[in-house]
Amino acid sequence: MKIYLVGGAVRDLILDRKSSDKDYVVVGSSFEEMFSLGFKSVGKSFPVFIHPKKEGEFALARSEKKSGKKHFDFECFTENVSLEEDLRRRDLTINAIAYDEKSDKFIDPFGGLSDIKCKILRPVSEAFKDDALRILRAARFKTELGEEWKFDKSLSDYVPDMTEELGELSKERIYKETKKALGVKNSSVFFCSLLELGVLEILFPFLYDLTKISHDNEYHKEGSVFVHTMMALDLCSDTNAKWAVLFHDMGKYQSFLDDGNFHRHCDAKILQDIFKKIQKTLSLEREEFEISKFFALNHHKLQNILKNSMRLSKIASLLFKIKDEGRLNSILDASLADLNGRMGRGNELIFSKEQIVHMWQLLKEADYNVNHESMSVEQIKSIIVHKQTNILREFVKTAF
């Protein structure tokens, strides 16, 4: 029996990056031997083991054979499988390097070390085509490693044969890879890579549509709406804000088709139809979905709050709809990214993010008890609006 460190941990070791977990491949062993050594099986579709005294996951060396169209349609073989055969089934050469911790030696049968040095993302073999998710993984690796990394021509050549299966990927798998990419600083590289590989239209048609239209005005000299979205995306500080920015201009394409302009891109009916399509593509968590939809509907109003170009009663009404401070922070991060993610006229902001958070806190902490026995609903609403307006008016007096 021989045990080797494999996969991302080896790649990150070479690149001097932190790795979150360790995966090992065990060559020349069997289920019976692993159990006798105190390992416990945790894998469902293929043999993976853990040990109470050892860090990481341990898998018997295996080869695979595609047996159907779905991503789990594989036959696994573990008898007499060599290290090289196990590495050959992996996606990219940079992930197909093994490391012998005892001898401090790398085993690199497919040129992964050279590709790391040259910053190339190259499939190990044609087996890359066996799972269309590998296209998203390749785009994510480029996002994590840096946009200076290049796709090898063989990877681009494989993509056309994978597009049919790509369109059948589950929304859960697409969501998982996308969220990982949004956890990286320059998340725009992920979507630009998918555009480069010719699959953005298949995976995210609502984003691809934004490449077809240009702002063409003094506030947006960066070009297409897609370019603006990518610029804003990279200015966001948290994942919820990134989801919001990703979808905030989705209505512009339909508005442009309907009217020849963007005037209705925040229209509730247009956005409702778009977000239904988004949910069919991505299994967004409830918080991500609600923040994104709220921001798409209100991002112009939120910009006006930052610029103090709305009536105080309107500011109060909009802020009061935001249920918690965490959500407010994500929305404001998205607002600032939207304002700054462009080439054109600068933005004169009156209120800071911190001031708006404080305004929200004052509104939420206020006492709104009203003796309503003899009042109509309209009268009660009027009193509450008046109180909220006064709260903000007093804040503005002390703020400036």
Protein backbone atom coordinates (compact mmCIF):
# COMPACT_ATOMS: atom_id res chain seq x y z
CA MET A 1 0.00 0.00 0.00
CA LYS A 2 1.18 3.53 -0.86
CA ILE A 3 -0.56 6.77 0.03
CA TYR A 4 -0.23 10.02 -1.95
CA LEU A 5 -1.58 13.52 -1.43
CA VAL A 6 -3.55 14.51 -4.54
CA GLY A 7 -5.79 17.17 -6.07
CA GLY A 8 -6.16 20.76 -4.97
CA ALA A 9 -3.96 20.37 -1.90
CA VAL A 10 -0.97 19.50 -4.10
CA ARG A 11 -1.73 22.32 -6.54
CA ASP A 12 -1.99 24.80 -3.67
CA LEU A 13 1.20 23.47 -2.08
CA ILE A 14 3.08 24.21 -5.31
CA LEU A 15 1.47 27.64 -5.61
CA ASP A 16 2.07 28.39 -1.92
CA ARG A 17 -1.64 28.88 -1.32
CA LYS A 18 -3.69 27.83 1.68
CA SER A 19 -5.71 24.67 1.15
CA SER A 20 -8.92 23.98 3.05
CA ASP A 21 -8.71 20.17 3.01
CA LYS A 22 -6.52 17.22 2.13
CA ASP A 23 -7.36 14.36 -0.21
CA TYR A 24 -5.27 11.22 -0.46
CA VAL A 25 -5.28 8.35 -2.94
CA VAL A 26 -4.41 4.88 -1.68
CA VAL A 27 -2.71 2.61 -4.23
CA GLY A 28 -2.48 -1.16 -3.89
CA SER A 29 -5.06 -1.63 -1.16
CA SER A 30 -8.63 -2.93 -0.78
CA PHE A 31 -11.77 -2.38 1.26
CA GLU A 32 -10.82 -5.21 3.59
CA GLU A 33 -7.35 -3.83 4.29
CA MET A 34 -8.64 -0.29 4.85
CA PHE A 35 -11.21 -1.51 7.36
CA SER A 36 -8.59 -3.61 9.14
CA LEU A 37 -6.43 -0.50 9.57
CA GLY A 38 -9.23 1.41 11.31
CA PHE A 39 -10.58 3.37 8.33
CA LYS A 40 -14.33 3.95 8.01
CA SER A 41 -16.14 4.25 4.68
CA VAL A 42 -18.02 7.52 4.03
CA GLY A 43 -18.33 7.50 0.23
CA LYS A 44 -21.64 6.65 -1.40
CA SER A 45 -20.83 6.42 -5.10
CA PHE A 46 -17.13 5.54 -4.78
CA PRO A 47 -14.79 4.35 -2.01
CA VAL A 48 -13.76 7.18 0.33
CA PHE A 49 -12.50 6.62 3.88
CA ILE A 50 -11.70 8.63 6.97
CA HIS A 51 -9.55 7.67 9.96
CA PRO A 52 -10.03 8.93 13.56
CA LYS A 53 -6.29 9.63 13.92
CA LYS A 54 -5.49 10.91 10.42
CA GLU A 55 -6.30 14.23 8.76
CA GLY A 56 -8.09 14.26 5.40
CA GLU A 57 -10.06 11.86 3.21
CA PHE A 58 -8.58 8.71 1.70
CA ALA A 59 -9.85 7.14 -1.52
CA LEU A 60 -8.83 3.91 -3.15
CA ALA A 61 -7.18 4.52 -6.50
CA ARG A 62 -9.87 4.17 -9.13
CA SER A 63 -10.54 4.44 -12.82
CA GLU A 64 -13.87 5.48 -14.29
CA LYS A 65 -15.92 4.75 -17.37
CA LYS A 66 -18.82 6.93 -18.53
CA SER A 67 -22.01 4.85 -18.62
CA GLY A 68 -24.72 7.43 -19.38
CA LYS A 69 -25.48 11.09 -20.02
CA LYS A 70 -25.92 12.25 -16.43
CA HIS A 71 -22.99 13.39 -14.27
CA PHE A 72 -23.35 10.42 -11.92
CA ASP A 73 -23.48 7.86 -14.73
CA PHE A 74 -20.02 6.39 -14.13
CA GLU A 75 -18.70 2.92 -13.47
CA CYS A 76 -15.86 2.83 -10.95
CA PHE A 77 -13.07 0.25 -10.83
CA THR A 78 -10.64 -0.12 -7.93
CA GLU A 79 -8.87 -3.43 -8.52
CA ASN A 80 -5.24 -3.14 -9.64
CA VAL A 81 -5.57 0.57 -10.49
CA SER A 82 -2.27 2.43 -10.70
CA LEU A 83 -1.56 5.96 -9.49
CA GLU A 84 -1.27 7.18 -13.08
CA GLU A 85 -4.63 5.68 -14.00
CA ASP A 86 -6.22 7.43 -11.03
CA LEU A 87 -4.66 10.78 -11.99
CA ARG A 88 -5.71 10.38 -15.63
CA ARG A 89 -9.43 10.57 -14.76
CA ARG A 90 -9.04 14.06 -13.23
CA ASP A 91 -10.10 17.28 -14.94
CA LEU A 92 -7.02 19.49 -15.36
CA THR A 93 -3.31 18.73 -15.32
CA ILE A 94 -2.78 21.14 -12.43
CA ASN A 95 -5.09 18.90 -10.38
CA ALA A 96 -3.48 15.66 -11.59
CA ILE A 97 -0.23 15.84 -9.61
CA ALA A 98 0.47 13.52 -6.67
CA TYR A 99 2.82 14.18 -3.76
CA ASP A 100 4.63 11.56 -1.70
CA GLU A 101 4.89 13.15 1.73
CA LYS A 102 7.42 10.58 2.94
CA SER A 103 9.93 11.06 0.11
CA ASP A 104 9.00 14.73 -0.56
CA LYS A 105 8.58 13.98 -4.28
CA PHE A 106 5.96 15.02 -6.84
CA ILE A 107 4.56 12.49 -9.30
CA ASP A 108 3.50 14.38 -12.42
CA PRO A 109 2.70 12.11 -15.39
CA PHE A 110 0.67 14.73 -17.31
CA GLY A 111 2.80 17.89 -17.13
CA GLY A 112 0.90 19.70 -14.41
CA LEU A 113 4.05 21.26 -12.93
CA SER A 114 4.92 22.82 -16.27
CA ASP A 115 1.36 24.08 -16.75
CA ILE A 116 1.44 25.69 -13.30
CA LYS A 117 4.70 27.41 -14.19
CA CYS A 118 3.24 28.62 -17.50
CA LYS A 119 -0.18 29.41 -15.98
CA ILE A 120 -2.13 27.17 -18.34
CA LEU A 121 -5.41 25.38 -17.66
CA ARG A 122 -5.17 22.17 -19.69
CA PRO A 123 -7.43 19.09 -19.61
CA VAL A 124 -5.66 15.86 -18.66
CA SER A 125 -7.37 13.95 -21.48
CA GLU A 126 -10.57 13.72 -23.53
CA ALA A 127 -12.19 12.39 -20.35
CA PHE A 128 -12.64 16.10 -19.54
CA LYS A 129 -15.73 15.91 -21.75
CA ASP A 130 -17.38 13.31 -19.50
CA ASP A 131 -18.78 15.97 -17.16
CA ALA A 132 -19.91 19.36 -18.47
CA LEU A 133 -19.55 20.89 -15.01
CA ARG A 134 -15.81 20.84 -15.64
CA ILE A 135 -16.27 23.89 -17.86
CA LEU A 136 -17.55 25.87 -14.87
CA ARG A 137 -14.79 24.43 -12.70
CA ALA A 138 -12.17 25.55 -15.21
CA ALA A 139 -13.68 29.06 -15.21
CA ARG A 140 -13.68 29.05 -11.41
CA PHE A 141 -10.04 27.94 -11.23
CA LYS A 142 -9.10 30.81 -13.51
CA THR A 143 -11.05 33.16 -11.20
CA GLU A 144 -9.23 31.85 -8.14
CA LEU A 145 -5.76 31.71 -9.70
CA GLY A 146 -5.90 34.95 -11.70
CA GLU A 147 -7.05 36.26 -15.06
CA GLU A 148 -3.49 35.96 -16.39
CA TRP A 149 -4.03 32.19 -16.54
CA LYS A 150 -4.99 30.93 -20.01
CA PHE A 151 -7.17 28.11 -21.28
CA ASP A 152 -5.28 25.60 -23.38
CA LYS A 153 -6.65 25.26 -26.92
CA SER A 154 -7.62 21.65 -26.22
CA LEU A 155 -10.03 22.82 -23.52
CA SER A 156 -11.70 25.27 -25.89
CA ASP A 157 -11.87 22.55 -28.55
CA TYR A 158 -13.70 20.19 -26.18
CA VAL A 159 -16.42 22.70 -25.27
CA PRO A 160 -18.63 22.34 -28.40
CA ASP A 161 -19.03 18.63 -27.69
CA MET A 162 -20.17 19.43 -24.13
CA THR A 163 -22.82 22.09 -24.78
CA GLU A 164 -25.79 19.72 -24.93
CA GLU A 165 -24.96 18.22 -21.55
CA LEU A 166 -24.11 21.68 -20.24
CA GLY A 167 -27.71 22.74 -20.84
CA GLU A 168 -28.89 19.77 -18.76
CA LEU A 169 -26.80 20.48 -15.65
CA SER A 170 -28.87 20.73 -12.49
CA LYS A 171 -29.39 24.23 -11.13
CA GLU A 172 -27.94 23.04 -7.81
CA ARG A 173 -24.59 22.15 -9.42
CA ILE A 174 -24.48 25.43 -11.36
CA TYR A 175 -25.33 27.39 -8.21
CA LYS A 176 -22.62 25.67 -6.16
CA GLU A 177 -19.84 26.51 -8.64
CA THR A 178 -21.14 30.05 -9.14
CA LYS A 179 -21.27 30.76 -5.42
CA LYS A 180 -17.68 29.56 -5.06
CA ALA A 181 -16.68 31.97 -7.81
CA LEU A 182 -18.53 34.81 -6.07
CA GLY A 183 -16.46 34.10 -2.98
CA VAL A 184 -13.33 35.19 -4.88
CA LYS A 185 -12.26 38.84 -5.08
CA ASN A 186 -12.36 39.27 -8.88
CA SER A 187 -15.53 37.31 -9.55
CA SER A 188 -16.02 38.89 -12.96
CA VAL A 189 -13.30 36.59 -14.33
CA PHE A 190 -15.69 33.65 -13.90
CA PHE A 191 -18.40 35.11 -16.13
CA CYS A 192 -15.95 36.61 -18.62
CA SER A 193 -14.31 33.18 -18.90
CA LEU A 194 -17.67 31.56 -19.66
CA LEU A 195 -18.22 34.24 -22.30
CA GLU A 196 -14.77 33.53 -23.74
CA LEU A 197 -15.54 29.80 -23.91
CA GLY A 198 -18.85 30.49 -25.66
CA VAL A 199 -21.14 29.05 -22.97
CA LEU A 200 -22.41 32.13 -21.09
CA GLU A 201 -25.54 32.17 -23.29
CA ILE A 202 -26.33 28.56 -22.31
CA LEU A 203 -25.70 28.91 -18.58
CA PHE A 204 -26.72 32.51 -17.89
CA PRO A 205 -28.79 33.77 -20.84
CA PHE A 206 -30.00 36.79 -18.83
CA LEU A 207 -26.36 37.87 -18.40
CA TYR A 208 -25.47 37.14 -22.00
CA ASP A 209 -28.31 39.42 -23.17
CA LEU A 210 -26.55 42.33 -21.44
CA THR A 211 -23.60 41.97 -23.84
CA LYS A 212 -25.94 42.97 -26.69
CA ILE A 213 -26.83 46.44 -25.42
CA SER A 214 -24.78 49.53 -24.63
CA HIS A 215 -25.55 52.32 -22.18
CA ASP A 216 -24.06 54.86 -24.57
CA ASN A 217 -24.42 57.89 -22.29
CA GLU A 218 -22.25 60.23 -20.24
CA TYR A 219 -22.74 58.21 -17.04
CA HIS A 220 -21.68 54.90 -18.62
CA LYS A 221 -18.75 55.15 -21.01
CA GLU A 222 -17.56 51.60 -20.27
CA GLY A 223 -19.67 50.10 -23.08
CA SER A 224 -22.13 47.28 -22.70
CA VAL A 225 -24.36 46.73 -19.71
CA PHE A 226 -22.50 43.45 -19.18
CA VAL A 227 -19.18 45.31 -18.80
CA HIS A 228 -20.73 47.66 -16.24
CA THR A 229 -22.14 44.69 -14.32
CA MET A 230 -18.72 43.02 -14.23
CA MET A 231 -17.01 46.24 -13.09
CA ALA A 232 -19.53 46.67 -10.29
CA LEU A 233 -19.30 43.00 -9.32
CA ASP A 234 -15.61 43.32 -8.51
CA LEU A 235 -16.26 46.25 -6.20
CA CYS A 236 -18.60 44.31 -3.90
CA SER A 237 -17.40 43.19 -0.49
CA ASP A 238 -19.78 40.32 0.26
CA THR A 239 -21.49 37.51 -1.61
CA ASN A 240 -25.06 38.72 -1.12
CA ALA A 241 -24.10 42.08 -2.59
CA LYS A 242 -22.52 40.28 -5.56
CA TRP A 243 -25.71 38.34 -6.27
CA ALA A 244 -27.63 41.63 -6.14
CA VAL A 245 -25.25 43.39 -8.54
CA LEU A 246 -25.25 40.41 -10.88
CA PHE A 247 -28.99 40.74 -11.43
CA HIS A 248 -29.62 44.45 -10.89
CA ASP A 249 -29.75 45.47 -14.56
CA MET A 250 -31.52 42.37 -15.85
CA GLY A 251 -34.56 44.41 -16.86
CA LYS A 252 -32.62 46.59 -19.27
CA TYR A 253 -32.59 44.09 -22.13
CA GLN A 254 -36.36 43.54 -22.06
CA SER A 255 -37.01 47.25 -21.61
CA PHE A 256 -34.77 47.95 -24.60
CA LEU A 257 -36.60 45.36 -26.71
CA ASP A 258 -40.00 46.74 -25.72
CA ASP A 259 -39.34 50.49 -25.87
CA GLY A 260 -35.90 51.04 -27.40
CA ASN A 261 -34.63 52.44 -24.08
CA PHE A 262 -34.00 51.44 -20.45
CA HIS A 263 -36.71 53.53 -18.80
CA ARG A 264 -38.69 50.53 -17.53
CA HIS A 265 -35.80 48.33 -16.45
CA CYS A 266 -36.93 48.51 -12.81
CA ASP A 267 -40.50 47.64 -13.77
CA ALA A 268 -41.95 45.05 -11.37
CA LYS A 269 -43.64 43.03 -14.13
CA ILE A 270 -40.47 42.78 -16.22
CA LEU A 271 -38.38 41.78 -13.21
CA GLN A 272 -40.92 39.26 -11.95
CA ASP A 273 -40.68 37.33 -15.22
CA ILE A 274 -36.89 37.53 -15.22
CA PHE A 275 -36.50 36.32 -11.64
CA LYS A 276 -38.74 33.35 -12.40
CA LYS A 277 -36.27 32.40 -15.13
CA ILE A 278 -33.33 32.96 -12.79
CA GLN A 279 -34.82 30.57 -10.24
CA LYS A 280 -35.08 27.92 -12.95
CA THR A 281 -31.35 28.34 -13.61
CA LEU A 282 -30.00 28.84 -10.09
CA SER A 283 -31.25 27.48 -6.77
CA LEU A 284 -30.63 30.74 -4.92
CA GLU A 285 -31.07 30.74 -1.17
CA ARG A 286 -34.04 32.77 0.07
CA GLU A 287 -31.92 35.63 1.42
CA GLU A 288 -29.90 35.90 -1.80
CA PHE A 289 -33.08 35.92 -3.88
CA GLU A 290 -34.91 38.52 -1.78
CA ILE A 291 -31.92 40.89 -1.58
CA SER A 292 -31.34 40.59 -5.33
CA LYS A 293 -34.97 41.23 -6.22
CA PHE A 294 -35.25 44.18 -3.84
CA PHE A 295 -32.10 45.73 -5.26
CA ALA A 296 -33.17 45.21 -8.88
CA LEU A 297 -36.47 46.97 -8.13
CA ASN A 298 -34.98 49.82 -6.09
CA HIS A 299 -31.34 50.40 -7.02
CA HIS A 300 -32.04 53.82 -8.58
CA LYS A 301 -33.94 54.91 -5.47
CA LEU A 302 -31.08 53.68 -3.28
CA GLN A 303 -28.65 55.76 -5.32
CA ASN A 304 -30.88 58.76 -4.76
CA ILE A 305 -30.72 58.14 -1.01
CA LEU A 306 -26.91 58.20 -1.15
CA LYS A 307 -27.12 61.45 -3.12
CA ASN A 308 -29.85 62.85 -0.81
CA SER A 309 -32.03 63.58 -3.84
CA MET A 310 -35.25 62.08 -2.44
CA ARG A 311 -37.84 63.48 -0.09
CA LEU A 312 -37.19 62.40 3.49
CA SER A 313 -40.57 60.65 3.65
CA LYS A 314 -39.62 58.54 0.61
CA ILE A 315 -36.22 57.72 2.10
CA ALA A 316 -37.86 56.62 5.32
CA SER A 317 -40.42 54.48 3.48
CA LEU A 318 -37.76 52.65 1.47
CA LEU A 319 -35.34 52.11 4.34
CA PHE A 320 -38.11 50.86 6.62
CA LYS A 321 -38.84 48.02 4.16
CA ILE A 322 -35.39 46.53 4.82
CA LYS A 323 -35.86 44.05 7.63
CA ASP A 324 -32.38 43.69 9.17
CA GLU A 325 -29.00 45.39 9.31
CA GLY A 326 -27.13 42.58 7.58
CA ARG A 327 -29.41 42.86 4.57
CA LEU A 328 -29.08 46.65 4.61
CA ASN A 329 -25.26 46.43 4.56
CA SER A 330 -25.35 44.08 1.55
CA ILE A 331 -27.77 46.37 -0.28
CA LEU A 332 -25.64 49.44 0.40
CA ASP A 333 -22.47 47.63 -0.70
CA ALA A 334 -24.25 46.75 -3.93
CA SER A 335 -25.42 50.38 -4.33
CA LEU A 336 -21.93 51.78 -3.95
CA ALA A 337 -20.53 49.19 -6.35
CA ASP A 338 -23.21 50.07 -8.90
CA LEU A 339 -22.40 53.78 -8.61
CA ASN A 340 -18.64 53.31 -8.87
CA GLY A 341 -18.53 50.46 -11.38
CA ARG A 342 -18.53 52.63 -14.46
CA MET A 343 -16.51 54.99 -16.60
CA GLY A 344 -18.02 58.44 -16.87
CA ARG A 345 -19.18 61.24 -14.65
CA GLY A 346 -18.27 60.96 -10.99
CA ASN A 347 -20.86 60.67 -8.27
CA GLU A 348 -21.30 63.34 -5.63
CA LEU A 349 -22.48 61.38 -2.59
CA ILE A 350 -24.04 63.23 0.32
CA PHE A 351 -24.68 60.42 2.78
CA SER A 352 -22.12 57.79 3.69
CA LYS A 353 -23.00 54.14 4.12
CA GLU A 354 -22.53 54.51 7.89
CA GLN A 355 -24.94 57.45 8.02
CA ILE A 356 -27.63 55.54 6.17
CA VAL A 357 -27.21 52.57 8.52
CA HIS A 358 -27.66 54.98 11.44
CA MET A 359 -30.77 56.45 9.82
CA TRP A 360 -32.19 52.94 9.45
CA GLN A 361 -31.44 52.19 13.09
CA LEU A 362 -33.24 55.36 14.23
CA LEU A 363 -36.29 54.43 12.16
CA LYS A 364 -36.37 50.85 13.43
CA GLU A 365 -35.93 51.83 17.09
CA ALA A 366 -38.64 54.49 17.09
CA ASP A 367 -41.92 54.05 18.98
CA TYR A 368 -44.84 53.91 16.54
CA ASN A 369 -47.66 53.30 19.02
CA VAL A 370 -50.73 55.21 17.87
CA ASN A 371 -54.15 55.51 19.55
CA HIS A 372 -55.97 54.07 16.57
CA GLU A 373 -59.45 53.43 17.97
CA SER A 374 -60.97 56.47 16.28
CA MET A 375 -58.54 56.67 13.33
CA SER A 376 -58.68 55.30 9.83
CA VAL A 377 -55.81 53.30 8.35
CA GLU A 378 -54.87 56.28 6.20
CA GLN A 379 -54.66 58.55 9.26
CA ILE A 380 -52.46 56.06 11.10
CA LYS A 381 -50.14 55.77 8.10
CA SER A 382 -49.96 59.55 7.84
CA ILE A 383 -48.94 59.88 11.49
CA ILE A 384 -46.23 57.22 11.14
CA VAL A 385 -44.86 58.83 7.96
CA HIS A 386 -44.82 62.21 9.69
CA LYS A 387 -42.91 60.76 12.65
CA GLN A 388 -40.39 59.02 10.39
CA THR A 389 -39.85 62.19 8.39
CA ASN A 390 -39.19 64.16 11.57
CA ILE A 391 -36.70 61.52 12.76
CA LEU A 392 -34.70 61.89 9.55
CA ARG A 393 -35.03 65.67 9.54
CA GLU A 394 -33.50 65.86 13.01
CA PHE A 395 -30.71 63.50 11.95
CA VAL A 396 -29.89 65.60 8.88
CA LYS A 397 -29.69 68.74 11.03
CA THR A 398 -27.03 67.15 13.24
CA ALA A 399 -25.20 65.42 10.39
CA PHE A 400 -24.39 68.59 8.41
